[in-house]
Amino acid sequence: MVTRVLIATGLLLTVTAAIAQQVTPQRVKTISPAGAIKPTGTWNLATRAGDFLFVAGMRGIDPQTNTLVEGDEARVRQAFLNMRLVAQSEGATLNDTVRLVVFVSDMFRFRPIVNKVQAELWGREPYPPRTIVEVQRLNQDDIVEIEGTFYAPRVGK
């Protein structure tokens, strides 16, 4: 019986050490900055893995009320602003975007708006690589969802 307890304790120590390694600075860190929208399910706003920040799909939700903003252009802009807020919390700017993925519910209607708002927010080229995909439906029958990957080197590694 003592042998079993020692084996079980050894396994417990091994599992505990593996879990502890996942929260070290070299592992993935969950990001949820103050002032950001609140996740509505089993997801986080972003994660950091080394020098890269991966921001989940952001929609045009007002972080003060957690409701969708009115108007197509305002909603697209808010989605980008929500992504920017999360990126800034880790020291990145929109110009540090490595890749964007944009989901729209109507390519013909919303791609021109996405292009306009993105050009306004970035200010000038170069723009990051972007994939834009028309989907049948988004959460809450929304019109746009934008996810981004950012290069955000850790200070004082």
N, C-alpha and C. Protein backbone atom coordinates (compact mmCIF):
# COMPACT_ATOMS: atom_id res chain seq x y z
N MET A 1 0.83 -1.19 0.00
CA MET A 1 0.00 0.00 0.00
C MET A 1 0.87 1.25 0.00
N VAL A 2 1.95 1.23 0.72
CA VAL A 2 2.86 2.38 0.74
C VAL A 2 3.42 2.62 -0.67
N THR A 3 3.73 1.55 -1.38
CA THR A 3 4.26 1.67 -2.73
C THR A 3 3.25 2.37 -3.64
N ARG A 4 1.99 2.02 -3.52
CA ARG A 4 0.95 2.65 -4.34
C ARG A 4 0.84 4.14 -4.04
N VAL A 5 0.90 4.49 -2.78
CA VAL A 5 0.82 5.90 -2.40
C VAL A 5 2.01 6.65 -2.97
N LEU A 6 3.20 6.07 -2.89
CA LEU A 6 4.39 6.72 -3.44
C LEU A 6 4.27 6.87 -4.95
N ILE A 7 3.78 5.85 -5.62
CA ILE A 7 3.60 5.94 -7.07
C ILE A 7 2.57 7.01 -7.38
N ALA A 8 1.46 6.99 -6.68
CA ALA A 8 0.42 7.99 -6.90
C ALA A 8 0.96 9.38 -6.61
N THR A 9 1.72 9.55 -5.55
CA THR A 9 2.31 10.84 -5.22
C THR A 9 3.27 11.28 -6.31
N GLY A 10 4.06 10.36 -6.82
CA GLY A 10 4.98 10.67 -7.91
C GLY A 10 4.23 11.14 -9.16
N LEU A 11 3.14 10.48 -9.47
CA LEU A 11 2.33 10.88 -10.62
C LEU A 11 1.72 12.25 -10.37
N LEU A 12 1.26 12.48 -9.16
CA LEU A 12 0.67 13.77 -8.81
C LEU A 12 1.70 14.88 -8.96
N LEU A 13 2.91 14.64 -8.50
CA LEU A 13 3.97 15.64 -8.63
C LEU A 13 4.28 15.91 -10.10
N THR A 14 4.30 14.89 -10.90
CA THR A 14 4.56 15.05 -12.33
C THR A 14 3.46 15.86 -12.99
N VAL A 15 2.21 15.57 -12.70
CA VAL A 15 1.08 16.30 -13.26
C VAL A 15 1.10 17.74 -12.78
N THR A 16 1.35 17.97 -11.49
CA THR A 16 1.41 19.32 -10.94
C THR A 16 2.51 20.12 -11.61
N ALA A 17 3.66 19.54 -11.83
CA ALA A 17 4.77 20.24 -12.49
C ALA A 17 4.39 20.60 -13.92
N ALA A 18 3.70 19.71 -14.63
CA ALA A 18 3.29 20.00 -16.01
C ALA A 18 2.31 21.15 -16.06
N ILE A 19 1.37 21.18 -15.12
CA ILE A 19 0.40 22.27 -15.06
C ILE A 19 1.10 23.58 -14.74
N ALA A 20 2.03 23.57 -13.80
CA ALA A 20 2.74 24.78 -13.41
C ALA A 20 3.52 25.35 -14.58
N GLN A 21 4.08 24.51 -15.44
CA GLN A 21 4.85 24.98 -16.59
C GLN A 21 3.96 25.74 -17.57
N GLN A 22 2.70 25.44 -17.64
CA GLN A 22 1.81 26.10 -18.59
C GLN A 22 1.53 27.55 -18.21
N VAL A 23 1.80 27.94 -17.01
CA VAL A 23 1.55 29.31 -16.59
C VAL A 23 2.83 30.11 -16.42
N THR A 24 3.95 29.56 -16.84
CA THR A 24 5.21 30.29 -16.75
C THR A 24 5.28 31.31 -17.89
N PRO A 25 6.19 32.26 -17.79
CA PRO A 25 6.30 33.28 -18.85
C PRO A 25 6.60 32.69 -20.23
N GLN A 26 7.14 31.49 -20.31
CA GLN A 26 7.43 30.88 -21.60
C GLN A 26 6.21 30.21 -22.23
N ARG A 27 5.11 30.16 -21.51
CA ARG A 27 3.91 29.46 -21.99
C ARG A 27 2.82 30.44 -22.38
N VAL A 28 1.70 29.93 -22.76
CA VAL A 28 0.57 30.74 -23.20
C VAL A 28 -0.04 31.48 -22.01
N LYS A 29 -0.29 32.75 -22.22
CA LYS A 29 -0.88 33.61 -21.19
C LYS A 29 -2.22 34.13 -21.69
N THR A 30 -3.24 34.03 -20.88
CA THR A 30 -4.56 34.53 -21.24
C THR A 30 -4.62 36.04 -21.00
N ILE A 31 -5.22 36.76 -21.95
CA ILE A 31 -5.29 38.22 -21.90
C ILE A 31 -6.76 38.63 -21.80
N SER A 32 -7.06 39.48 -20.82
CA SER A 32 -8.41 40.02 -20.66
C SER A 32 -8.28 41.41 -20.04
N PRO A 33 -7.98 42.43 -20.84
CA PRO A 33 -7.70 43.75 -20.28
C PRO A 33 -8.94 44.48 -19.76
N ALA A 34 -8.70 45.39 -18.84
CA ALA A 34 -9.78 46.24 -18.33
C ALA A 34 -10.33 47.08 -19.48
N GLY A 35 -11.63 47.28 -19.47
CA GLY A 35 -12.27 48.10 -20.49
C GLY A 35 -12.64 47.36 -21.76
N ALA A 36 -12.29 46.08 -21.84
CA ALA A 36 -12.61 45.29 -23.03
C ALA A 36 -13.99 44.66 -22.90
N ILE A 37 -14.49 44.13 -24.01
CA ILE A 37 -15.76 43.43 -23.97
C ILE A 37 -15.65 42.21 -23.07
N LYS A 38 -16.76 41.68 -22.67
CA LYS A 38 -16.79 40.48 -21.84
C LYS A 38 -17.11 39.27 -22.72
N PRO A 39 -16.31 38.21 -22.63
CA PRO A 39 -16.63 37.00 -23.41
C PRO A 39 -18.00 36.46 -23.05
N THR A 40 -18.70 35.95 -24.05
CA THR A 40 -20.07 35.46 -23.85
C THR A 40 -20.14 33.95 -23.78
N GLY A 41 -19.00 33.30 -23.68
CA GLY A 41 -19.00 31.84 -23.64
C GLY A 41 -17.67 31.31 -23.19
N THR A 42 -17.34 30.14 -23.66
CA THR A 42 -16.12 29.46 -23.24
C THR A 42 -14.94 29.85 -24.12
N TRP A 43 -14.59 31.13 -24.10
CA TRP A 43 -13.46 31.63 -24.88
C TRP A 43 -12.86 32.83 -24.15
N ASN A 44 -11.62 33.13 -24.50
CA ASN A 44 -10.92 34.29 -23.95
C ASN A 44 -10.71 35.31 -25.06
N LEU A 45 -10.49 36.54 -24.68
CA LEU A 45 -10.28 37.60 -25.66
C LEU A 45 -9.00 37.41 -26.46
N ALA A 46 -7.95 36.96 -25.77
CA ALA A 46 -6.67 36.80 -26.46
C ALA A 46 -5.75 35.92 -25.63
N THR A 47 -4.71 35.45 -26.31
CA THR A 47 -3.63 34.76 -25.62
C THR A 47 -2.31 35.26 -26.17
N ARG A 48 -1.31 35.20 -25.33
CA ARG A 48 0.06 35.54 -25.73
C ARG A 48 0.85 34.25 -25.72
N ALA A 49 1.60 34.02 -26.78
CA ALA A 49 2.52 32.90 -26.86
C ALA A 49 3.85 33.49 -27.32
N GLY A 50 4.78 33.63 -26.40
CA GLY A 50 6.06 34.25 -26.73
C GLY A 50 5.86 35.70 -27.13
N ASP A 51 6.36 36.05 -28.31
CA ASP A 51 6.25 37.42 -28.80
C ASP A 51 5.02 37.67 -29.64
N PHE A 52 4.09 36.72 -29.66
CA PHE A 52 2.90 36.87 -30.49
C PHE A 52 1.63 36.91 -29.64
N LEU A 53 0.71 37.75 -30.08
CA LEU A 53 -0.58 37.92 -29.43
C LEU A 53 -1.65 37.49 -30.43
N PHE A 54 -2.54 36.61 -29.99
CA PHE A 54 -3.61 36.09 -30.83
C PHE A 54 -4.94 36.59 -30.26
N VAL A 55 -5.60 37.48 -31.00
CA VAL A 55 -6.85 38.08 -30.53
C VAL A 55 -8.02 37.35 -31.17
N ALA A 56 -8.95 36.94 -30.32
CA ALA A 56 -10.15 36.22 -30.78
C ALA A 56 -11.00 37.13 -31.66
N GLY A 57 -11.96 36.53 -32.34
CA GLY A 57 -12.86 37.31 -33.18
C GLY A 57 -13.57 38.39 -32.39
N MET A 58 -13.35 39.63 -32.80
CA MET A 58 -13.99 40.78 -32.17
C MET A 58 -15.13 41.25 -33.06
N ARG A 59 -16.22 41.60 -32.40
CA ARG A 59 -17.38 42.12 -33.12
C ARG A 59 -17.63 43.55 -32.68
N GLY A 60 -18.60 44.19 -33.27
CA GLY A 60 -18.90 45.59 -32.97
C GLY A 60 -19.71 45.76 -31.71
N ILE A 61 -19.16 45.30 -30.61
CA ILE A 61 -19.83 45.37 -29.31
C ILE A 61 -19.28 46.54 -28.53
N ASP A 62 -20.16 47.36 -27.99
CA ASP A 62 -19.75 48.46 -27.13
C ASP A 62 -19.30 47.87 -25.80
N PRO A 63 -18.03 48.07 -25.40
CA PRO A 63 -17.56 47.46 -24.15
C PRO A 63 -18.24 48.02 -22.91
N GLN A 64 -18.82 49.21 -23.01
CA GLN A 64 -19.51 49.79 -21.85
C GLN A 64 -20.84 49.09 -21.56
N THR A 65 -21.53 48.68 -22.63
CA THR A 65 -22.86 48.10 -22.47
C THR A 65 -22.92 46.62 -22.84
N ASN A 66 -21.85 46.12 -23.49
CA ASN A 66 -21.82 44.76 -24.02
C ASN A 66 -22.97 44.48 -24.97
N THR A 67 -23.35 45.50 -25.74
CA THR A 67 -24.37 45.35 -26.78
C THR A 67 -23.79 45.80 -28.11
N LEU A 68 -24.38 45.31 -29.19
CA LEU A 68 -23.93 45.69 -30.53
C LEU A 68 -24.21 47.17 -30.78
N VAL A 69 -23.25 47.86 -31.39
CA VAL A 69 -23.47 49.26 -31.74
C VAL A 69 -24.35 49.33 -32.98
N GLU A 70 -25.03 50.45 -33.15
CA GLU A 70 -25.94 50.64 -34.28
C GLU A 70 -25.16 51.15 -35.49
N GLY A 71 -25.56 50.72 -36.67
CA GLY A 71 -24.99 51.20 -37.92
C GLY A 71 -23.87 50.31 -38.40
N ASP A 72 -23.87 50.02 -39.69
CA ASP A 72 -22.89 49.09 -40.26
C ASP A 72 -21.46 49.59 -40.10
N GLU A 73 -21.19 50.82 -40.52
CA GLU A 73 -19.83 51.33 -40.44
C GLU A 73 -19.38 51.47 -38.99
N ALA A 74 -20.26 51.94 -38.12
CA ALA A 74 -19.92 52.07 -36.70
C ALA A 74 -19.62 50.70 -36.09
N ARG A 75 -20.35 49.70 -36.50
CA ARG A 75 -20.14 48.36 -35.96
C ARG A 75 -18.81 47.77 -36.43
N VAL A 76 -18.48 47.95 -37.70
CA VAL A 76 -17.20 47.47 -38.21
C VAL A 76 -16.06 48.20 -37.49
N ARG A 77 -16.19 49.52 -37.36
CA ARG A 77 -15.15 50.30 -36.66
C ARG A 77 -14.98 49.80 -35.23
N GLN A 78 -16.09 49.54 -34.54
CA GLN A 78 -16.01 49.09 -33.14
C GLN A 78 -15.33 47.74 -33.04
N ALA A 79 -15.55 46.87 -34.00
CA ALA A 79 -14.87 45.57 -33.99
C ALA A 79 -13.36 45.77 -34.06
N PHE A 80 -12.90 46.65 -34.96
CA PHE A 80 -11.47 46.95 -35.05
C PHE A 80 -10.96 47.61 -33.76
N LEU A 81 -11.75 48.51 -33.20
CA LEU A 81 -11.33 49.20 -31.97
C LEU A 81 -11.24 48.23 -30.80
N ASN A 82 -12.14 47.27 -30.74
CA ASN A 82 -12.09 46.26 -29.68
C ASN A 82 -10.81 45.43 -29.81
N MET A 83 -10.46 45.08 -31.05
CA MET A 83 -9.23 44.33 -31.28
C MET A 83 -8.02 45.19 -30.90
N ARG A 84 -8.05 46.47 -31.28
CA ARG A 84 -6.93 47.37 -30.98
C ARG A 84 -6.73 47.51 -29.47
N LEU A 85 -7.81 47.61 -28.71
CA LEU A 85 -7.69 47.75 -27.25
C LEU A 85 -6.99 46.54 -26.64
N VAL A 86 -7.35 45.36 -27.10
CA VAL A 86 -6.72 44.15 -26.57
C VAL A 86 -5.24 44.14 -26.95
N ALA A 87 -4.92 44.48 -28.19
CA ALA A 87 -3.53 44.51 -28.64
C ALA A 87 -2.72 45.53 -27.85
N GLN A 88 -3.28 46.71 -27.64
CA GLN A 88 -2.57 47.76 -26.90
C GLN A 88 -2.28 47.35 -25.46
N SER A 89 -3.13 46.52 -24.90
CA SER A 89 -2.91 46.08 -23.52
C SER A 89 -1.64 45.27 -23.39
N GLU A 90 -1.14 44.74 -24.51
CA GLU A 90 0.10 43.96 -24.52
C GLU A 90 1.22 44.70 -25.26
N GLY A 91 1.05 46.00 -25.48
CA GLY A 91 2.09 46.81 -26.08
C GLY A 91 2.14 46.81 -27.59
N ALA A 92 1.12 46.30 -28.25
CA ALA A 92 1.09 46.26 -29.72
C ALA A 92 0.16 47.35 -30.25
N THR A 93 0.41 47.76 -31.49
CA THR A 93 -0.46 48.68 -32.19
C THR A 93 -1.03 47.97 -33.41
N LEU A 94 -1.94 48.64 -34.09
CA LEU A 94 -2.48 48.04 -35.31
C LEU A 94 -1.37 47.81 -36.33
N ASN A 95 -0.36 48.64 -36.32
CA ASN A 95 0.75 48.46 -37.26
C ASN A 95 1.61 47.24 -36.93
N ASP A 96 1.38 46.62 -35.79
CA ASP A 96 2.08 45.38 -35.42
C ASP A 96 1.28 44.15 -35.81
N THR A 97 0.20 44.34 -36.56
CA THR A 97 -0.62 43.22 -36.98
C THR A 97 0.14 42.36 -37.98
N VAL A 98 0.19 41.08 -37.71
CA VAL A 98 0.85 40.12 -38.59
C VAL A 98 -0.16 39.55 -39.59
N ARG A 99 -1.41 39.39 -39.13
CA ARG A 99 -2.44 38.79 -39.99
C ARG A 99 -3.82 39.11 -39.45
N LEU A 100 -4.76 39.35 -40.36
CA LEU A 100 -6.16 39.56 -40.01
C LEU A 100 -7.02 38.53 -40.71
N VAL A 101 -8.07 38.12 -40.03
CA VAL A 101 -9.11 37.31 -40.66
C VAL A 101 -10.42 38.02 -40.35
N VAL A 102 -11.16 38.32 -41.41
CA VAL A 102 -12.43 39.05 -41.28
C VAL A 102 -13.54 38.16 -41.81
N PHE A 103 -14.57 38.01 -41.00
CA PHE A 103 -15.76 37.27 -41.40
C PHE A 103 -16.89 38.27 -41.57
N VAL A 104 -17.57 38.22 -42.71
CA VAL A 104 -18.70 39.11 -42.96
C VAL A 104 -19.91 38.28 -43.38
N SER A 105 -21.09 38.78 -43.08
CA SER A 105 -22.30 38.04 -43.45
C SER A 105 -22.76 38.36 -44.87
N ASP A 106 -22.18 39.40 -45.49
CA ASP A 106 -22.51 39.74 -46.87
C ASP A 106 -21.29 40.43 -47.49
N MET A 107 -20.56 39.70 -48.31
CA MET A 107 -19.32 40.22 -48.89
C MET A 107 -19.57 41.49 -49.70
N PHE A 108 -20.58 41.50 -50.52
CA PHE A 108 -20.86 42.64 -51.38
C PHE A 108 -21.13 43.91 -50.56
N ARG A 109 -21.90 43.80 -49.51
CA ARG A 109 -22.26 44.97 -48.69
C ARG A 109 -21.14 45.41 -47.75
N PHE A 110 -20.46 44.44 -47.10
CA PHE A 110 -19.60 44.82 -45.99
C PHE A 110 -18.11 44.90 -46.29
N ARG A 111 -17.63 44.24 -47.35
CA ARG A 111 -16.20 44.35 -47.67
C ARG A 111 -15.78 45.79 -47.94
N PRO A 112 -16.55 46.58 -48.68
CA PRO A 112 -16.14 47.98 -48.88
C PRO A 112 -16.07 48.77 -47.57
N ILE A 113 -16.94 48.46 -46.65
CA ILE A 113 -16.92 49.15 -45.35
C ILE A 113 -15.69 48.72 -44.56
N VAL A 114 -15.39 47.43 -44.56
CA VAL A 114 -14.19 46.93 -43.88
C VAL A 114 -12.96 47.61 -44.47
N ASN A 115 -12.88 47.67 -45.80
CA ASN A 115 -11.73 48.32 -46.45
C ASN A 115 -11.60 49.78 -46.02
N LYS A 116 -12.70 50.51 -46.02
CA LYS A 116 -12.69 51.93 -45.66
C LYS A 116 -12.23 52.13 -44.22
N VAL A 117 -12.83 51.40 -43.30
CA VAL A 117 -12.49 51.55 -41.88
C VAL A 117 -11.05 51.12 -41.62
N GLN A 118 -10.63 50.03 -42.23
CA GLN A 118 -9.26 49.57 -42.04
C GLN A 118 -8.28 50.63 -42.54
N ALA A 119 -8.53 51.21 -43.70
CA ALA A 119 -7.63 52.24 -44.25
C ALA A 119 -7.58 53.45 -43.31
N GLU A 120 -8.71 53.83 -42.74
CA GLU A 120 -8.75 54.96 -41.81
C GLU A 120 -7.94 54.67 -40.54
N LEU A 121 -8.11 53.47 -40.01
CA LEU A 121 -7.44 53.14 -38.75
C LEU A 121 -5.94 52.90 -38.92
N TRP A 122 -5.54 52.30 -40.03
CA TRP A 122 -4.11 52.06 -40.27
C TRP A 122 -3.43 53.34 -40.76
N GLY A 123 -4.19 54.18 -41.43
CA GLY A 123 -3.66 55.45 -41.90
C GLY A 123 -2.93 55.38 -43.22
N ARG A 124 -2.18 54.36 -43.44
CA ARG A 124 -1.40 54.23 -44.67
C ARG A 124 -0.93 52.79 -44.81
N GLU A 125 -0.47 52.48 -46.00
CA GLU A 125 0.13 51.17 -46.23
C GLU A 125 1.48 51.13 -45.53
N PRO A 126 2.01 49.99 -45.24
CA PRO A 126 1.53 48.67 -45.64
C PRO A 126 0.43 48.17 -44.71
N TYR A 127 -0.52 47.50 -45.31
CA TYR A 127 -1.57 46.85 -44.54
C TYR A 127 -1.16 45.41 -44.29
N PRO A 128 -1.64 44.83 -43.21
CA PRO A 128 -1.28 43.43 -42.93
C PRO A 128 -1.98 42.48 -43.90
N PRO A 129 -1.44 41.27 -44.04
CA PRO A 129 -2.16 40.27 -44.82
C PRO A 129 -3.54 40.05 -44.21
N ARG A 130 -4.53 39.89 -45.08
CA ARG A 130 -5.90 39.75 -44.58
C ARG A 130 -6.64 38.73 -45.41
N THR A 131 -7.42 37.92 -44.73
CA THR A 131 -8.37 37.03 -45.38
C THR A 131 -9.75 37.52 -45.00
N ILE A 132 -10.62 37.66 -45.98
CA ILE A 132 -12.01 38.04 -45.69
C ILE A 132 -12.91 36.94 -46.25
N VAL A 133 -13.81 36.48 -45.42
CA VAL A 133 -14.64 35.33 -45.76
C VAL A 133 -16.10 35.66 -45.51
N GLU A 134 -16.94 35.34 -46.46
CA GLU A 134 -18.38 35.48 -46.24
C GLU A 134 -18.88 34.22 -45.56
N VAL A 135 -19.64 34.42 -44.49
CA VAL A 135 -20.21 33.30 -43.74
C VAL A 135 -21.73 33.44 -43.75
N GLN A 136 -22.38 32.33 -43.53
CA GLN A 136 -23.84 32.34 -43.54
C GLN A 136 -24.40 33.12 -42.35
N ARG A 137 -23.74 32.95 -41.19
CA ARG A 137 -24.31 33.57 -40.00
C ARG A 137 -23.23 33.77 -38.95
N LEU A 138 -23.34 34.88 -38.22
CA LEU A 138 -22.48 35.16 -37.08
C LEU A 138 -23.33 35.25 -35.81
N ASN A 139 -22.69 35.18 -34.67
CA ASN A 139 -23.40 35.27 -33.40
C ASN A 139 -24.26 36.54 -33.36
N GLN A 140 -25.43 36.43 -32.83
CA GLN A 140 -26.39 37.53 -32.71
C GLN A 140 -26.75 38.12 -34.08
N ASP A 141 -26.64 37.33 -35.13
CA ASP A 141 -26.89 37.80 -36.50
C ASP A 141 -26.07 39.04 -36.82
N ASP A 142 -24.85 39.08 -36.30
CA ASP A 142 -23.96 40.22 -36.54
C ASP A 142 -23.50 40.22 -37.99
N ILE A 143 -22.87 41.33 -38.40
CA ILE A 143 -22.43 41.50 -39.78
C ILE A 143 -20.94 41.26 -39.97
N VAL A 144 -20.14 41.36 -38.88
CA VAL A 144 -18.69 41.27 -39.01
C VAL A 144 -18.07 40.69 -37.74
N GLU A 145 -16.98 39.97 -37.93
CA GLU A 145 -16.15 39.50 -36.82
C GLU A 145 -14.71 39.51 -37.32
N ILE A 146 -13.81 40.08 -36.52
CA ILE A 146 -12.42 40.27 -36.95
C ILE A 146 -11.48 39.69 -35.91
N GLU A 147 -10.57 38.82 -36.35
CA GLU A 147 -9.55 38.29 -35.45
C GLU A 147 -8.18 38.71 -35.97
N GLY A 148 -7.24 38.86 -35.06
CA GLY A 148 -5.92 39.31 -35.47
C GLY A 148 -4.80 38.64 -34.72
N THR A 149 -3.66 38.59 -35.38
CA THR A 149 -2.42 38.11 -34.78
C THR A 149 -1.45 39.29 -34.81
N PHE A 150 -0.79 39.53 -33.67
CA PHE A 150 0.10 40.67 -33.53
C PHE A 150 1.48 40.23 -33.10
N TYR A 151 2.49 40.96 -33.57
CA TYR A 151 3.84 40.77 -33.07
C TYR A 151 4.02 41.76 -31.95
N ALA A 152 4.22 41.27 -30.75
CA ALA A 152 4.33 42.10 -29.55
C ALA A 152 5.45 41.58 -28.67
N PRO A 153 6.71 41.91 -29.04
CA PRO A 153 7.84 41.39 -28.27
C PRO A 153 7.74 41.75 -26.79
N ARG A 154 8.09 40.79 -25.97
CA ARG A 154 8.11 41.03 -24.52
C ARG A 154 9.26 41.95 -24.20
N VAL A 155 9.02 42.90 -23.36
CA VAL A 155 10.06 43.83 -22.94
C VAL A 155 10.87 43.17 -21.84
N GLY A 156 12.19 43.27 -21.95
CA GLY A 156 13.07 42.73 -20.90
C GLY A 156 13.02 41.23 -20.78
N LYS A 157 13.10 40.53 -21.89
CA LYS A 157 13.05 39.05 -21.87
C LYS A 157 14.12 38.47 -20.99
